[in-house]
Amino acid sequence: MKTQMFCDPAKMYVICVDSYEDKILEGRIYNVLRDSSVPFKSAVDMLVKLEMLLDDAKLVQSYSVKRVFTPNMASGSLVQTGSVEDGKLATFSLKLLFRQNASWQGSVLWCDGNSEESFRSVLELLLLMDNALSK
């Protein structure tokens, strides 16, 4: 099955989890701003790569970074970003709204369980994903 992504491109990421043995995440990250997926081998690897993607996008900026207008993108516009291969175990659609207080805030949709939750920190995000993957 393929998941369709409709989003504000820099703020929406799809996390496809292919393996979760011994609570070690492995999978891929998709975003419209990249031509290909970004693989990850652990939760820390996933977070580091997501942080890199956020820094590259320059739209969900850290509160301590000087903000500038980006001429290529209009925030809030909806675009279809294509389809991505679902994760073997689970697929999460991650919408990041802010990077404040040395963490992330947003919402995560567990596509397979069809439920969405807001999170106020990266730890809360990881706990939500763990809860879905442990079911």
Protein backbone atom coordinates (compact mmCIF):
# COMPACT_ATOMS: atom_id res chain seq x y z
CA MET A 1 0.00 0.00 0.00
CA LYS A 2 1.13 3.55 -0.64
CA THR A 3 0.38 6.56 1.55
CA GLN A 4 -0.51 9.83 -0.18
CA MET A 5 1.08 12.94 1.27
CA PHE A 6 -0.75 16.29 1.17
CA CYS A 7 1.09 18.93 3.12
CA ASP A 8 2.94 22.15 3.61
CA PRO A 9 6.13 20.60 2.22
CA ALA A 10 8.76 21.71 4.72
CA LYS A 11 6.65 20.90 7.77
CA MET A 12 5.44 17.40 6.89
CA TYR A 13 7.56 14.28 7.03
CA VAL A 14 6.58 10.64 6.60
CA ILE A 15 8.44 8.17 8.78
CA CYS A 16 8.27 4.59 7.52
CA VAL A 17 9.34 2.05 10.15
CA ASP A 18 10.59 -1.22 8.67
CA SER A 19 12.04 -2.81 11.80
CA TYR A 20 11.67 -2.37 15.57
CA GLU A 21 13.61 -5.29 17.05
CA ASP A 22 14.72 -4.71 20.65
CA LYS A 23 13.13 -1.25 20.38
CA ILE A 24 15.66 -0.14 17.74
CA LEU A 25 13.96 1.87 14.98
CA GLU A 26 14.98 1.29 11.37
CA GLY A 27 13.32 2.78 8.33
CA ARG A 28 13.08 5.77 6.01
CA ILE A 29 12.12 9.45 6.12
CA TYR A 30 10.32 11.10 3.21
CA ASN A 31 9.81 14.78 2.44
CA VAL A 32 8.81 16.56 -0.78
CA LEU A 33 11.93 18.72 -0.68
CA ARG A 34 14.12 15.64 -1.24
CA ASP A 35 14.30 13.45 -4.31
CA SER A 36 14.79 10.27 -2.31
CA SER A 37 14.15 8.84 1.11
CA VAL A 38 16.60 9.25 3.98
CA PRO A 39 17.33 5.93 5.72
CA PHE A 40 17.87 5.70 9.48
CA LYS A 41 19.16 2.89 11.72
CA SER A 42 18.10 4.02 15.21
CA ALA A 43 15.93 6.58 17.00
CA VAL A 44 18.91 8.88 17.51
CA ASP A 45 19.88 8.53 13.84
CA MET A 46 16.29 9.38 12.85
CA LEU A 47 16.25 12.48 15.07
CA VAL A 48 19.64 13.71 13.83
CA LYS A 49 18.58 13.28 10.20
CA LEU A 50 15.23 14.97 10.79
CA GLU A 51 17.03 17.87 12.46
CA MET A 52 19.30 18.13 9.40
CA LEU A 53 16.26 18.13 7.08
CA LEU A 54 14.62 20.84 9.19
CA ASP A 55 17.77 22.97 9.07
CA ASP A 56 17.96 22.54 5.28
CA ALA A 57 14.27 23.48 4.79
CA LYS A 58 14.66 26.73 6.78
CA LEU A 59 10.90 26.90 7.41
CA VAL A 60 10.54 25.15 10.77
CA GLN A 61 13.44 27.06 12.25
CA SER A 62 14.87 26.80 15.70
CA TYR A 63 13.80 29.73 17.87
CA SER A 64 17.44 30.84 18.19
CA VAL A 65 18.04 31.12 14.43
CA LYS A 66 17.58 34.46 12.71
CA ARG A 67 14.54 34.07 10.47
CA VAL A 68 14.44 35.13 6.84
CA PHE A 69 11.86 34.96 4.06
CA THR A 70 12.32 32.10 1.64
CA PRO A 71 11.24 33.15 -1.85
CA ASN A 72 10.60 29.64 -3.19
CA MET A 73 7.83 28.53 -0.82
CA ALA A 74 4.61 30.01 0.42
CA SER A 75 3.88 28.66 3.87
CA GLY A 76 0.46 27.12 4.21
CA SER A 77 0.07 26.09 0.57
CA LEU A 78 -1.09 22.53 0.08
CA VAL A 79 0.71 20.45 -2.49
CA GLN A 80 0.58 16.79 -3.33
CA THR A 81 4.03 15.40 -2.74
CA GLY A 82 3.47 12.05 -4.37
CA SER A 83 3.28 8.65 -2.83
CA VAL A 84 5.76 6.85 -0.63
CA GLU A 85 6.13 3.17 0.20
CA ASP A 86 4.58 2.41 3.56
CA GLY A 87 6.79 1.06 6.31
CA LYS A 88 6.80 -2.70 6.83
CA LEU A 89 5.70 -2.25 10.47
CA ALA A 90 4.18 1.22 10.62
CA THR A 91 3.91 4.55 8.85
CA PHE A 92 3.76 7.87 10.68
CA SER A 93 2.96 11.26 9.20
CA LEU A 94 4.80 13.89 11.21
CA LYS A 95 3.74 17.54 11.12
CA LEU A 96 6.26 19.79 12.83
CA LEU A 97 4.97 23.17 13.89
CA PHE A 98 7.72 24.57 16.11
CA ARG A 99 11.23 23.96 17.35
CA GLN A 100 11.23 25.69 20.71
CA ASN A 101 12.70 25.02 24.14
CA ALA A 102 15.38 22.77 22.62
CA SER A 103 12.73 20.38 21.31
CA TRP A 104 9.98 19.93 18.69
CA GLN A 105 6.25 20.49 18.85
CA GLY A 106 3.64 19.23 16.41
CA SER A 107 1.41 16.27 15.71
CA VAL A 108 1.95 12.71 14.57
CA LEU A 109 -0.55 10.59 12.67
CA TRP A 110 -0.20 6.83 12.98
CA CYS A 111 -1.42 5.97 9.48
CA ASP A 112 -1.96 2.25 10.20
CA GLY A 113 -3.94 2.87 13.38
CA ASN A 114 -5.66 5.94 11.98
CA SER A 115 -5.08 7.99 15.13
CA GLU A 116 -3.41 11.36 15.60
CA GLU A 117 -1.81 12.84 18.70
CA SER A 118 -0.09 16.12 19.44
CA PHE A 119 3.33 16.15 21.05
CA ARG A 120 5.21 18.84 22.97
CA SER A 121 8.69 17.32 22.90
CA VAL A 122 10.84 14.84 21.02
CA LEU A 123 10.62 12.48 23.99
CA GLU A 124 6.83 12.55 23.83
CA LEU A 125 7.01 11.87 20.07
CA LEU A 126 9.24 8.83 20.63
CA LEU A 127 6.95 7.52 23.39
CA LEU A 128 3.91 7.83 21.08
CA MET A 129 5.73 5.96 18.32
CA ASP A 130 6.87 3.27 20.79
CA ASN A 131 3.30 2.84 22.01
CA ALA A 132 2.04 2.33 18.46
CA LEU A 133 4.86 -0.05 17.53
CA SER A 134 4.44 -2.11 20.70
CA LYS A 135 0.78 -2.93 19.92
